[in-house]
C-alpha atoms as a PDB file:
ATOM      1  CA  MET A   1       3.421  30.166   7.069  1.00  0.00           C
ATOM      2  CA  THR A   2       2.744  27.332   9.481  1.00  0.00           C
ATOM      3  CA  GLN A   3      -0.845  26.173   9.481  1.00  0.00           C
ATOM      4  CA  THR A   4      -2.563  26.231  12.870  1.00  0.00           C
ATOM      5  CA  LYS A   5      -4.757  23.409  14.093  1.00  0.00           C
ATOM      6  CA  ASN A   6      -7.962  25.452  13.559  1.00  0.00           C
ATOM      7  CA  GLN A   7      -7.140  26.370   9.971  1.00  0.00           C
ATOM      8  CA  ALA A   8      -8.783  24.250   7.303  1.00  0.00           C
ATOM      9  CA  PRO A   9      -6.227  22.280   5.241  1.00  0.00           C
ATOM     10  CA  ALA A  10      -5.906  23.970   1.849  1.00  0.00           C
ATOM     11  CA  THR A  11      -4.642  20.959  -0.103  1.00  0.00           C
ATOM     12  CA  LEU A  12      -5.342  17.236  -0.156  1.00  0.00           C
ATOM     13  CA  ASP A  13      -1.829  16.555   1.153  1.00  0.00           C
ATOM     14  CA  ALA A  14      -2.467  18.897   4.082  1.00  0.00           C
ATOM     15  CA  PHE A  15      -5.866  17.285   4.687  1.00  0.00           C
ATOM     16  CA  THR A  16      -4.239  13.833   4.704  1.00  0.00           C
ATOM     17  CA  ALA A  17      -1.554  14.950   7.129  1.00  0.00           C
ATOM     18  CA  ARG A  18      -4.151  16.525   9.468  1.00  0.00           C
ATOM     19  CA  VAL A  19      -6.256  13.353   9.487  1.00  0.00           C
ATOM     20  CA  GLN A  20      -3.220  11.163  10.131  1.00  0.00           C
ATOM     21  CA  GLN A  21      -2.095  13.322  13.039  1.00  0.00           C
ATOM     22  CA  GLY A  22      -5.484  13.464  14.720  1.00  0.00           C
ATOM     23  CA  PHE A  23      -7.013  10.159  13.675  1.00  0.00           C
ATOM     24  CA  ALA A  24      -6.568   8.402  17.020  1.00  0.00           C
ATOM     25  CA  GLU A  25      -8.423  11.214  18.841  1.00  0.00           C
ATOM     26  CA  MET A  26     -11.333  11.421  16.394  1.00  0.00           C
ATOM     27  CA  ALA A  27     -14.801  10.178  17.290  1.00  0.00           C
ATOM     28  CA  PRO A  28     -15.421   6.686  15.851  1.00  0.00           C
ATOM     29  CA  GLN A  29     -17.860   7.927  13.194  1.00  0.00           C
ATOM     30  CA  PHE A  30     -15.428  10.653  12.160  1.00  0.00           C
ATOM     31  CA  GLN A  31     -12.743   7.979  11.770  1.00  0.00           C
ATOM     32  CA  VAL A  32     -15.013   5.950   9.493  1.00  0.00           C
ATOM     33  CA  GLY A  33     -15.854   8.981   7.352  1.00  0.00           C
ATOM     34  CA  ALA A  34     -12.290  10.318   7.163  1.00  0.00           C
ATOM     35  CA  LYS A  35     -10.894   6.916   6.247  1.00  0.00           C
ATOM     36  CA  TYR A  36     -13.385   6.572   3.389  1.00  0.00           C
ATOM     37  CA  LEU A  37     -12.494  10.014   2.020  1.00  0.00           C
ATOM     38  CA  LEU A  38      -8.786   9.163   2.023  1.00  0.00           C
ATOM     39  CA  ASP A  39      -9.295   5.702   0.581  1.00  0.00           C
ATOM     40  CA  PHE A  40     -11.581   6.886  -2.256  1.00  0.00           C
ATOM     41  CA  PRO A  41     -10.553  10.502  -3.030  1.00  0.00           C
ATOM     42  CA  ALA A  42     -11.738  10.262  -6.646  1.00  0.00           C
ATOM     43  CA  GLU A  43     -15.347   9.798  -5.546  1.00  0.00           C
ATOM     44  CA  VAL A  44     -15.555  13.011  -3.512  1.00  0.00           C
ATOM     45  CA  PRO A  45     -15.687  15.427  -6.489  1.00  0.00           C
ATOM     46  CA  VAL A  46     -18.098  13.329  -8.575  1.00  0.00           C
ATOM     47  CA  ALA A  47     -20.530  11.843  -6.046  1.00  0.00           C
ATOM     48  CA  SER A  48     -23.098  13.491  -3.803  1.00  0.00           C
ATOM     49  CA  MET A  49     -22.478  13.827  -0.086  1.00  0.00           C
ATOM     50  CA  ARG A  50     -25.421  11.486   0.579  1.00  0.00           C
ATOM     51  CA  SER A  51     -23.986   8.849  -1.767  1.00  0.00           C
ATOM     52  CA  ILE A  52     -20.547   9.088  -0.154  1.00  0.00           C
ATOM     53  CA  ALA A  53     -22.077   8.842   3.314  1.00  0.00           C
ATOM     54  CA  THR A  54     -24.005   5.733   2.277  1.00  0.00           C
ATOM     55  CA  GLN A  55     -20.892   4.103   0.855  1.00  0.00           C
ATOM     56  CA  ALA A  56     -18.870   5.013   3.955  1.00  0.00           C
ATOM     57  CA  GLY A  57     -21.574   3.753   6.305  1.00  0.00           C
ATOM     58  CA  VAL A  58     -22.188   7.051   8.126  1.00  0.00           C
ATOM     59  CA  GLN A  59     -24.890   9.710   8.191  1.00  0.00           C
ATOM     60  CA  PRO A  60     -24.540  12.720   5.845  1.00  0.00           C
ATOM     61  CA  ALA A  61     -24.525  14.972   8.911  1.00  0.00           C
ATOM     62  CA  THR A  62     -21.402  13.159  10.098  1.00  0.00           C
ATOM     63  CA  LEU A  63     -19.510  14.309   7.014  1.00  0.00           C
ATOM     64  CA  VAL A  64     -20.643  17.888   7.601  1.00  0.00           C
ATOM     65  CA  ARG A  65     -19.496  17.787  11.233  1.00  0.00           C
ATOM     66  CA  LEU A  66     -16.233  16.146  10.209  1.00  0.00           C
ATOM     67  CA  ALA A  67     -15.562  18.973   7.754  1.00  0.00           C
ATOM     68  CA  GLN A  68     -16.364  21.584  10.386  1.00  0.00           C
ATOM     69  CA  SER A  69     -14.133  19.885  12.967  1.00  0.00           C
ATOM     70  CA  LEU A  70     -11.237  20.302  10.526  1.00  0.00           C
ATOM     71  CA  GLY A  71     -11.886  24.016  10.085  1.00  0.00           C
ATOM     72  CA  TYR A  72     -14.070  24.055   6.970  1.00  0.00           C
ATOM     73  CA  ALA A  73     -17.340  25.972   6.833  1.00  0.00           C
ATOM     74  CA  GLY A  74     -19.095  22.833   5.602  1.00  0.00           C
ATOM     75  CA  TRP A  75     -18.988  19.901   3.203  1.00  0.00           C
ATOM     76  CA  GLY A  76     -18.843  22.071   0.093  1.00  0.00           C
ATOM     77  CA  GLU A  77     -15.620  23.716   1.182  1.00  0.00           C
ATOM     78  CA  LEU A  78     -14.015  20.353   1.934  1.00  0.00           C
ATOM     79  CA  LYS A  79     -15.156  18.982  -1.431  1.00  0.00           C
ATOM     80  CA  LYS A  80     -13.349  21.835  -3.225  1.00  0.00           C
ATOM     81  CA  VAL A  81     -10.029  20.577  -1.824  1.00  0.00           C
ATOM     82  CA  PHE A  82     -10.590  17.164  -3.378  1.00  0.00           C
ATOM     83  CA  LEU A  83     -11.768  18.726  -6.630  1.00  0.00           C
ATOM     84  CA  ALA A  84      -8.625  20.877  -6.871  1.00  0.00           C
ATOM     85  CA  SER A  85      -6.469  17.818  -6.283  1.00  0.00           C
ATOM     86  CA  LEU A  86      -8.323  15.829  -8.927  1.00  0.00           C
ATOM     87  CA  ARG A  87      -7.709  18.553 -11.494  1.00  0.00           C
ATOM     88  CA  SER A  88      -3.980  18.456 -10.800  1.00  0.00           C
ATOM     89  CA  VAL A  89      -3.529  14.794 -11.768  1.00  0.00           C
ATOM     90  CA  SER A  90      -4.444  12.633 -14.725  1.00  0.00           C
ATOM     91  CA  GLY A  91      -8.097  12.068 -15.510  1.00  0.00           C
ATOM     92  CA  HIS A  92      -8.363   8.344 -14.877  1.00  0.00           C
ATOM     93  CA  TYR A  93      -9.475   8.926 -11.271  1.00  0.00           C
ATOM     94  CA  ALA A  94     -12.725  10.600 -12.312  1.00  0.00           C
ATOM     95  CA  GLU A  95     -13.269   8.246 -15.250  1.00  0.00           C
ATOM     96  CA  ARG A  96     -12.822   5.205 -13.024  1.00  0.00           C
ATOM     97  CA  ALA A  97     -15.034   6.623 -10.282  1.00  0.00           C
ATOM     98  CA  SER A  98     -17.837   7.453 -12.736  1.00  0.00           C
ATOM     99  CA  SER A  99     -17.819   3.942 -14.197  1.00  0.00           C
ATOM    100  CA  VAL A 100     -17.759   2.182 -10.828  1.00  0.00           C
ATOM    101  CA  VAL A 101     -20.272   4.161  -8.743  1.00  0.00           C
ATOM    102  CA  GLY A 102     -23.691   2.519  -8.701  1.00  0.00           C
ATOM    103  CA  ASP A 103     -22.742  -0.385 -10.981  1.00  0.00           C
ATOM    104  CA  GLN A 104     -23.923  -3.596  -9.317  1.00  0.00           C
ATOM    105  CA  SER A 105     -23.125  -5.992 -12.182  1.00  0.00           C
ATOM    106  CA  ARG A 106     -19.630  -6.927 -13.262  1.00  0.00           C
ATOM    107  CA  SER A 107     -18.579  -8.798 -16.394  1.00  0.00           C
ATOM    108  CA  ALA A 108     -15.102 -10.313 -16.702  1.00  0.00           C
ATOM    109  CA  ALA A 109     -14.069  -7.305 -18.778  1.00  0.00           C
ATOM    110  CA  GLN A 110     -15.359  -4.882 -16.141  1.00  0.00           C
ATOM    111  CA  SER A 111     -13.573  -6.757 -13.389  1.00  0.00           C
ATOM    112  CA  ALA A 112     -10.320  -6.659 -15.354  1.00  0.00           C
ATOM    113  CA  ALA A 113     -10.808  -2.932 -15.876  1.00  0.00           C
ATOM    114  CA  ILE A 114     -11.166  -2.370 -12.129  1.00  0.00           C
ATOM    115  CA  GLN A 115      -7.980  -4.334 -11.460  1.00  0.00           C
ATOM    116  CA  ALA A 116      -6.209  -2.304 -14.142  1.00  0.00           C
ATOM    117  CA  GLY A 117      -7.509   0.877 -12.517  1.00  0.00           C
ATOM    118  CA  ASN A 118      -6.004  -0.179  -9.203  1.00  0.00           C
ATOM    119  CA  VAL A 119      -2.629  -0.570 -10.901  1.00  0.00           C
ATOM    120  CA  HIS A 120      -2.898   2.660 -12.887  1.00  0.00           C
ATOM    121  CA  MET A 121      -3.474   4.641  -9.698  1.00  0.00           C
ATOM    122  CA  LEU A 122      -0.183   3.507  -8.146  1.00  0.00           C
ATOM    123  CA  ALA A 123       2.076   6.012  -9.895  1.00  0.00           C
ATOM    124  CA  ASP A 124       0.069   9.108  -8.964  1.00  0.00           C
ATOM    125  CA  VAL A 125      -0.748   8.013  -5.424  1.00  0.00           C
ATOM    126  CA  ASN A 126       2.876   7.150  -4.603  1.00  0.00           C
ATOM    127  CA  ALA A 127       4.737   9.733  -6.678  1.00  0.00           C
ATOM    128  CA  GLN A 128       5.842  11.713  -3.633  1.00  0.00           C
ATOM    129  CA  ASN A 129       6.670   8.859  -1.245  1.00  0.00           C
ATOM    130  CA  LEU A 130       8.233   6.278  -3.555  1.00  0.00           C
ATOM    131  CA  PRO A 131      11.634   8.053  -3.778  1.00  0.00           C
ATOM    132  CA  GLU A 132      11.721   8.356   0.029  1.00  0.00           C
ATOM    133  CA  ALA A 133      10.942   4.642   0.384  1.00  0.00           C
ATOM    134  CA  VAL A 134      13.848   3.817  -1.938  1.00  0.00           C
ATOM    135  CA  ARG A 135      16.200   6.063   0.062  1.00  0.00           C
ATOM    136  CA  MET A 136      15.118   4.484   3.343  1.00  0.00           C
ATOM    137  CA  LEU A 137      15.666   0.949   2.123  1.00  0.00           C
ATOM    138  CA  THR A 138      18.939   1.718   0.379  1.00  0.00           C
ATOM    139  CA  LYS A 139      20.433   3.213   3.563  1.00  0.00           C
ATOM    140  CA  ALA A 140      19.095   0.498   5.894  1.00  0.00           C
ATOM    141  CA  ARG A 141      21.530  -1.865   7.569  1.00  0.00           C
ATOM    142  CA  ASN A 142      19.005  -4.712   7.409  1.00  0.00           C
ATOM    143  CA  VAL A 143      15.511  -4.956   5.948  1.00  0.00           C
ATOM    144  CA  HIS A 144      12.764  -6.933   7.685  1.00  0.00           C
ATOM    145  CA  VAL A 145       9.584  -7.720   5.744  1.00  0.00           C
ATOM    146  CA  ALA A 146       6.242  -8.728   7.246  1.00  0.00           C
ATOM    147  CA  GLY A 147       2.884  -9.623   5.762  1.00  0.00           C
ATOM    148  CA  PHE A 148       0.333 -12.004   7.256  1.00  0.00           C
ATOM    149  CA  ARG A 149      -2.553 -14.045   5.873  1.00  0.00           C
ATOM    150  CA  ALA A 150      -3.583 -12.581   2.495  1.00  0.00           C
ATOM    151  CA  SER A 151      -0.747 -10.038   2.724  1.00  0.00           C
ATOM    152  CA  PHE A 152       1.862 -12.798   2.921  1.00  0.00           C
ATOM    153  CA  ALA A 153       2.045 -13.172  -0.873  1.00  0.00           C
ATOM    154  CA  PRO A 154       3.229  -9.603  -1.640  1.00  0.00           C
ATOM    155  CA  ALA A 155       5.534  -9.701   1.419  1.00  0.00           C
ATOM    156  CA  HIS A 156       7.126 -12.948   0.265  1.00  0.00           C
ATOM    157  CA  THR A 157       7.463 -11.579  -3.281  1.00  0.00           C
ATOM    158  CA  PHE A 158       9.195  -8.458  -1.957  1.00  0.00           C
ATOM    159  CA  GLN A 159      11.658 -10.468   0.135  1.00  0.00           C
ATOM    160  CA  TYR A 160      12.313 -13.014  -2.643  1.00  0.00           C
ATOM    161  CA  LEU A 161      13.021 -10.416  -5.329  1.00  0.00           C
ATOM    162  CA  TYR A 162      14.999  -8.022  -3.141  1.00  0.00           C
ATOM    163  CA  ARG A 163      17.146 -10.825  -1.763  1.00  0.00           C
ATOM    164  CA  LEU A 164      18.278 -11.716  -5.291  1.00  0.00           C
ATOM    165  CA  PHE A 165      20.565  -8.691  -5.134  1.00  0.00           C
ATOM    166  CA  ARG A 166      20.660  -7.869  -1.420  1.00  0.00           C
ATOM    167  CA  PRO A 167      21.431 -10.587   1.168  1.00  0.00           C
ATOM    168  CA  THR A 168      20.369  -8.594   4.240  1.00  0.00           C
ATOM    169  CA  VAL A 169      16.617  -8.948   3.661  1.00  0.00           C
ATOM    170  CA  MET A 170      14.710 -11.110   6.140  1.00  0.00           C
ATOM    171  CA  LEU A 171      11.110 -12.285   6.052  1.00  0.00           C
ATOM    172  CA  ILE A 172       9.235 -12.178   9.365  1.00  0.00           C
ATOM    173  CA  ARG A 173       7.092 -15.302   9.288  1.00  0.00           C
ATOM    174  CA  GLY A 174       6.091 -16.039  12.876  1.00  0.00           C
ATOM    175  CA  ASP A 175       5.567 -19.722  12.064  1.00  0.00           C
ATOM    176  CA  ALA A 176       4.675 -22.025  14.967  1.00  0.00           C
ATOM    177  CA  GLY A 177       4.514 -19.160  17.447  1.00  0.00           C
ATOM    178  CA  THR A 178       7.986 -17.794  16.648  1.00  0.00           C
ATOM    179  CA  LEU A 179       6.920 -14.201  15.930  1.00  0.00           C
ATOM    180  CA  ASP A 180       8.548 -12.952  19.129  1.00  0.00           C
ATOM    181  CA  MET A 181      11.856 -14.508  18.103  1.00  0.00           C
ATOM    182  CA  ASP A 182      11.645 -12.933  14.638  1.00  0.00           C
ATOM    183  CA  LEU A 183      10.977  -9.523  16.154  1.00  0.00           C
ATOM    184  CA  ARG A 184      14.099  -9.720  18.294  1.00  0.00           C
ATOM    185  CA  GLY A 185      16.183  -9.407  15.142  1.00  0.00           C
ATOM    186  CA  ILE A 186      14.923  -5.870  14.445  1.00  0.00           C
ATOM    187  CA  SER A 187      17.299  -3.139  15.621  1.00  0.00           C
ATOM    188  CA  LYS A 188      18.236   0.511  15.198  1.00  0.00           C
ATOM    189  CA  GLY A 189      19.440   1.325  11.711  1.00  0.00           C
ATOM    190  CA  ASP A 190      17.124  -1.239  10.117  1.00  0.00           C
ATOM    191  CA  VAL A 191      13.975  -0.682   8.070  1.00  0.00           C
ATOM    192  CA  THR A 192      10.891  -2.781   8.733  1.00  0.00           C
ATOM    193  CA  VAL A 193       8.497  -3.158   5.804  1.00  0.00           C
ATOM    194  CA  ILE A 194       4.902  -4.034   6.725  1.00  0.00           C
ATOM    195  CA  ILE A 195       2.430  -4.964   3.993  1.00  0.00           C
ATOM    196  CA  ALA A 196      -1.229  -5.062   4.985  1.00  0.00           C
ATOM    197  CA  PHE A 197      -4.783  -4.302   3.949  1.00  0.00           C
ATOM    198  CA  ALA A 198      -8.101  -4.328   5.796  1.00  0.00           C
ATOM    199  CA  PRO A 199      -9.109  -6.243   7.775  1.00  0.00           C
ATOM    200  CA  TYR A 200      -5.695  -5.782   9.379  1.00  0.00           C
ATOM    201  CA  SER A 201      -4.024  -8.657  11.177  1.00  0.00           C
ATOM    202  CA  HIS A 202      -3.063  -8.367  14.814  1.00  0.00           C
ATOM    203  CA  GLU A 203       0.441  -9.599  13.980  1.00  0.00           C
ATOM    204  CA  ALA A 204       1.066  -6.704  11.585  1.00  0.00           C
ATOM    205  CA  LEU A 205       0.399  -4.190  14.345  1.00  0.00           C
ATOM    206  CA  LEU A 206       2.687  -6.125  16.704  1.00  0.00           C
ATOM    207  CA  VAL A 207       5.476  -5.864  14.129  1.00  0.00           C
ATOM    208  CA  ALA A 208       4.943  -2.102  13.795  1.00  0.00           C
ATOM    209  CA  GLU A 209       5.049  -1.623  17.559  1.00  0.00           C
ATOM    210  CA  ALA A 210       8.142  -3.794  17.935  1.00  0.00           C
ATOM    211  CA  ALA A 211       9.917  -1.890  15.167  1.00  0.00           C
ATOM    212  CA  ARG A 212       9.227   1.438  16.866  1.00  0.00           C
ATOM    213  CA  ARG A 213      10.544   0.123  20.185  1.00  0.00           C
ATOM    214  CA  ALA A 214      13.705  -1.084  18.442  1.00  0.00           C
ATOM    215  CA  GLN A 215      14.113   2.346  16.777  1.00  0.00           C
ATOM    216  CA  SER A 216      13.839   0.796  13.332  1.00  0.00           C
ATOM    217  CA  ARG A 217      12.319   2.945  10.634  1.00  0.00           C
ATOM    218  CA  VAL A 218       8.986   1.667   9.323  1.00  0.00           C
ATOM    219  CA  LEU A 219       7.773   1.531   5.724  1.00  0.00           C
ATOM    220  CA  ALA A 220       4.055   0.723   5.537  1.00  0.00           C
ATOM    221  CA  ILE A 221       2.734  -0.604   2.235  1.00  0.00           C
ATOM    222  CA  CYS A 222      -1.003  -0.682   2.761  1.00  0.00           C
ATOM    223  CA  ASP A 223      -4.439   0.277   1.532  1.00  0.00           C
ATOM    224  CA  SER A 224      -4.923   3.413   3.612  1.00  0.00           C
ATOM    225  CA  VAL A 225      -2.831   6.219   5.082  1.00  0.00           C
ATOM    226  CA  VAL A 226      -4.802   5.801   8.306  1.00  0.00           C
ATOM    227  CA  ALA A 227      -4.238   2.058   8.597  1.00  0.00           C
ATOM    228  CA  PRO A 228      -2.927   1.213  12.108  1.00  0.00           C
ATOM    229  CA  MET A 229       0.580   0.469  10.812  1.00  0.00           C
ATOM    230  CA  ALA A 230       0.563   3.552   8.545  1.00  0.00           C
ATOM    231  CA  LEU A 231      -0.038   5.797  11.547  1.00  0.00           C
ATOM    232  CA  GLN A 232       3.216   4.491  13.043  1.00  0.00           C
ATOM    233  CA  ALA A 233       5.220   4.581   9.800  1.00  0.00           C
ATOM    234  CA  ASP A 234       7.997   6.889   8.626  1.00  0.00           C
ATOM    235  CA  CYS A 235       6.853   6.439   5.029  1.00  0.00           C
ATOM    236  CA  VAL A 236       3.651   5.067   3.493  1.00  0.00           C
ATOM    237  CA  LEU A 237       3.089   3.572   0.059  1.00  0.00           C
ATOM    238  CA  GLN A 238      -0.543   3.018  -0.817  1.00  0.00           C
ATOM    239  CA  PHE A 239      -2.487   0.647  -3.055  1.00  0.00           C
ATOM    240  CA  SER A 240      -6.164   0.036  -3.739  1.00  0.00           C
ATOM    241  CA  THR A 241      -7.935  -3.269  -3.073  1.00  0.00           C
ATOM    242  CA  ASP A 242     -11.045  -2.441  -5.136  1.00  0.00           C
ATOM    243  CA  THR A 243     -12.712  -5.500  -6.618  1.00  0.00           C
ATOM    244  CA  PRO A 244     -16.198  -6.697  -7.559  1.00  0.00           C
ATOM    245  CA  SER A 245     -15.329 -10.035  -5.972  1.00  0.00           C
ATOM    246  CA  PHE A 246     -15.924 -11.104  -2.365  1.00  0.00           C
ATOM    247  CA  PHE A 247     -12.315 -10.585  -1.218  1.00  0.00           C
ATOM    248  CA  PRO A 248     -10.023  -7.528  -1.406  1.00  0.00           C
ATOM    249  CA  SER A 249      -7.759  -7.578  -4.449  1.00  0.00           C
ATOM    250  CA  SER A 250      -3.990  -7.937  -3.955  1.00  0.00           C
ATOM    251  CA  VAL A 251      -3.137  -7.256  -7.604  1.00  0.00           C
ATOM    252  CA  ALA A 252      -2.091  -3.656  -6.972  1.00  0.00           C
ATOM    253  CA  ALA A 253      -0.114  -4.656  -3.867  1.00  0.00           C
ATOM    254  CA  LEU A 254       1.959  -7.098  -5.903  1.00  0.00           C
ATOM    255  CA  SER A 255       2.388  -4.521  -8.667  1.00  0.00           C
ATOM    256  CA  LEU A 256       3.547  -1.909  -6.168  1.00  0.00           C
ATOM    257  CA  VAL A 257       6.086  -4.360  -4.735  1.00  0.00           C
ATOM    258  CA  GLU A 258       7.474  -5.010  -8.213  1.00  0.00           C
ATOM    259  CA  ILE A 259       7.670  -1.269  -8.944  1.00  0.00           C
ATOM    260  CA  LEU A 260       9.532  -0.690  -5.676  1.00  0.00           C
ATOM    261  CA  ILE A 261      11.983  -3.533  -6.425  1.00  0.00           C
ATOM    262  CA  GLU A 262      12.624  -2.079  -9.879  1.00  0.00           C
ATOM    263  CA  GLN A 263      13.444   1.291  -8.332  1.00  0.00           C
ATOM    264  CA  LEU A 264      15.733  -0.333  -5.754  1.00  0.00           C
ATOM    265  CA  LEU A 265      17.576  -2.255  -8.454  1.00  0.00           C
ATOM    266  CA  ALA A 266      18.066   0.912 -10.516  1.00  0.00           C
ATOM    267  CA  GLN A 267      19.472   2.624  -7.433  1.00  0.00           C
ATOM    268  CA  ALA A 268      21.756  -0.310  -6.552  1.00  0.00           C
ATOM    269  CA  GLY A 269      23.561  -0.283  -9.903  1.00  0.00           C
ATOM    270  CA  PRO A 270      25.902  -2.805 -11.604  1.00  0.00           C
ATOM    271  CA  ARG A 271      26.844  -4.587  -8.381  1.00  0.00           C
ATOM    272  CA  ALA A 272      23.223  -5.656  -7.984  1.00  0.00           C
ATOM    273  CA  VAL A 273      23.201  -7.017 -11.536  1.00  0.00           C
ATOM    274  CA  ASN A 274      26.235  -9.146 -10.688  1.00  0.00           C
ATOM    275  CA  SER A 275      24.459 -10.457  -7.583  1.00  0.00           C
ATOM    276  CA  ILE A 276      21.430 -11.450  -9.649  1.00  0.00           C
ATOM    277  CA  ARG A 277      23.661 -13.151 -12.207  1.00  0.00           C
ATOM    278  CA  GLN A 278      25.342 -15.158  -9.452  1.00  0.00           C
ATOM    279  CA  ALA A 279      21.990 -16.082  -7.910  1.00  0.00           C
ATOM    280  CA  GLU A 280      20.719 -17.294 -11.290  1.00  0.00           C
ATOM    281  CA  GLY A 281      23.864 -19.359 -11.742  1.00  0.00           C
ATOM    282  CA  HIS A 282      23.418 -21.058  -8.369  1.00  0.00           C
ATOM    283  CA  LEU A 283      19.768 -21.819  -9.121  1.00  0.00           C
ATOM    284  CA  GLN A 284      20.674 -23.389 -12.448  1.00  0.00           C
ATOM    285  CA  GLN A 285      23.477 -25.452 -10.901  1.00  0.00           C
ATOM    286  CA  ASP A 286      21.231 -26.645  -8.081  1.00  0.00           C
ATOM    287  CA  GLY A 287      18.583 -27.798 -10.531  1.00  0.00           C
ATOM    288  CA  ALA A 288      15.979 -25.352  -9.264  1.00  0.00           C
ATOM    289  CA  TYR A 289      14.594 -24.854 -12.771  1.00  0.00           C
ATOM    290  CA  LEU A 290      13.560 -27.487 -15.291  1.00  0.00           C
ATOM    291  CA  ASN A 291      15.907 -27.764 -18.247  1.00  0.00           C
ATOM    292  CA  PRO A 292      14.089 -26.840 -21.506  1.00  0.00           C
ATOM    293  CA  SER A 293      15.545 -29.914 -23.229  1.00  0.00           C
ATOM    294  CA  HIS A 294      14.169 -32.087 -20.421  1.00  0.00           C
ATOM    295  CA  ILE A 295      10.707 -30.601 -20.905  1.00  0.00           C
ATOM    296  CA  THR A 296      10.868 -31.296 -24.654  1.00  0.00           C
ATOM    297  CA  ALA A 297      11.938 -34.899 -24.014  1.00  0.00           C
ATOM    298  CA  GLU A 298       9.061 -35.377 -21.573  1.00  0.00           C
ATOM    299  CA  LYS A 299       6.573 -34.157 -24.190  1.00  0.00           C
ATOM    300  CA  VAL A 300       7.964 -36.538 -26.785  1.00  0.00           C
ATOM    301  CA  ASN A 301       7.812 -39.497 -24.395  1.00  0.00           C
ATOM    302  CA  ASN A 302       4.250 -38.703 -23.356  1.00  0.00           C
ATOM    303  CA  ALA A 303       3.186 -38.447 -26.974  1.00  0.00           C
ATOM    304  CA  ARG A 304       4.341 -42.001 -27.749  1.00  0.00           C
END
């Protein structure tokens, strides 16, 4: 049966879809609260409403009104949806949330554990959308990849690895004010991949808007399903940027890119392996890599 707008979403997937559809029309405080719930779903079952509100930067009453605006009787009913979802997946969400909440001190080991948690979450979070992302990219005529500022590294990695076995992969750089020229290359039948995390760059949104105008499909790889580019995407892959450091972590973004490339290679088959073999041969012939014997000789000479 089709769910009406006034019915409360019964599952986390339905809740996510409802928030995505109505996010632009939500009151600003509702947007802040809803985004936090979607970005940190593991905290909802294990933390108090007051604690979640504090972390999100809103009043507890805002979360109650948000729940009611989505058709729930109150916060408790909304929390049950997240609890049911948590029970249906592996336990590391709750374990990670319990260890992180309220801990103000981080050792190197704790920091490494948080980074590992970001990576471990990738499989569960993207289990449903990863196959669709692979299908989209495999069928695309051309693939355009964009990532700006701190998101440039995973975007460049994606383009570099994918291009080893597929020549029709272009990186949108926008160097020296050439973004407009790069965007002109996007057309119908293509897929535009946008990698971003908060705070989102203005250029990333321009790429998303240009892709929609060109009737290109959009794959958003980002930190939230309600990120500006995710709201315009045909498919969303998500990663966490949790870190005890001062800057959002890109470890999970790079890991997700590598996972996606692995899936694309598996789908491409033996022809892709031949392309990689040829690319390696060209790199060796062009002297792109240091010869191991040359490195050994250098060590010997330096030791004399």
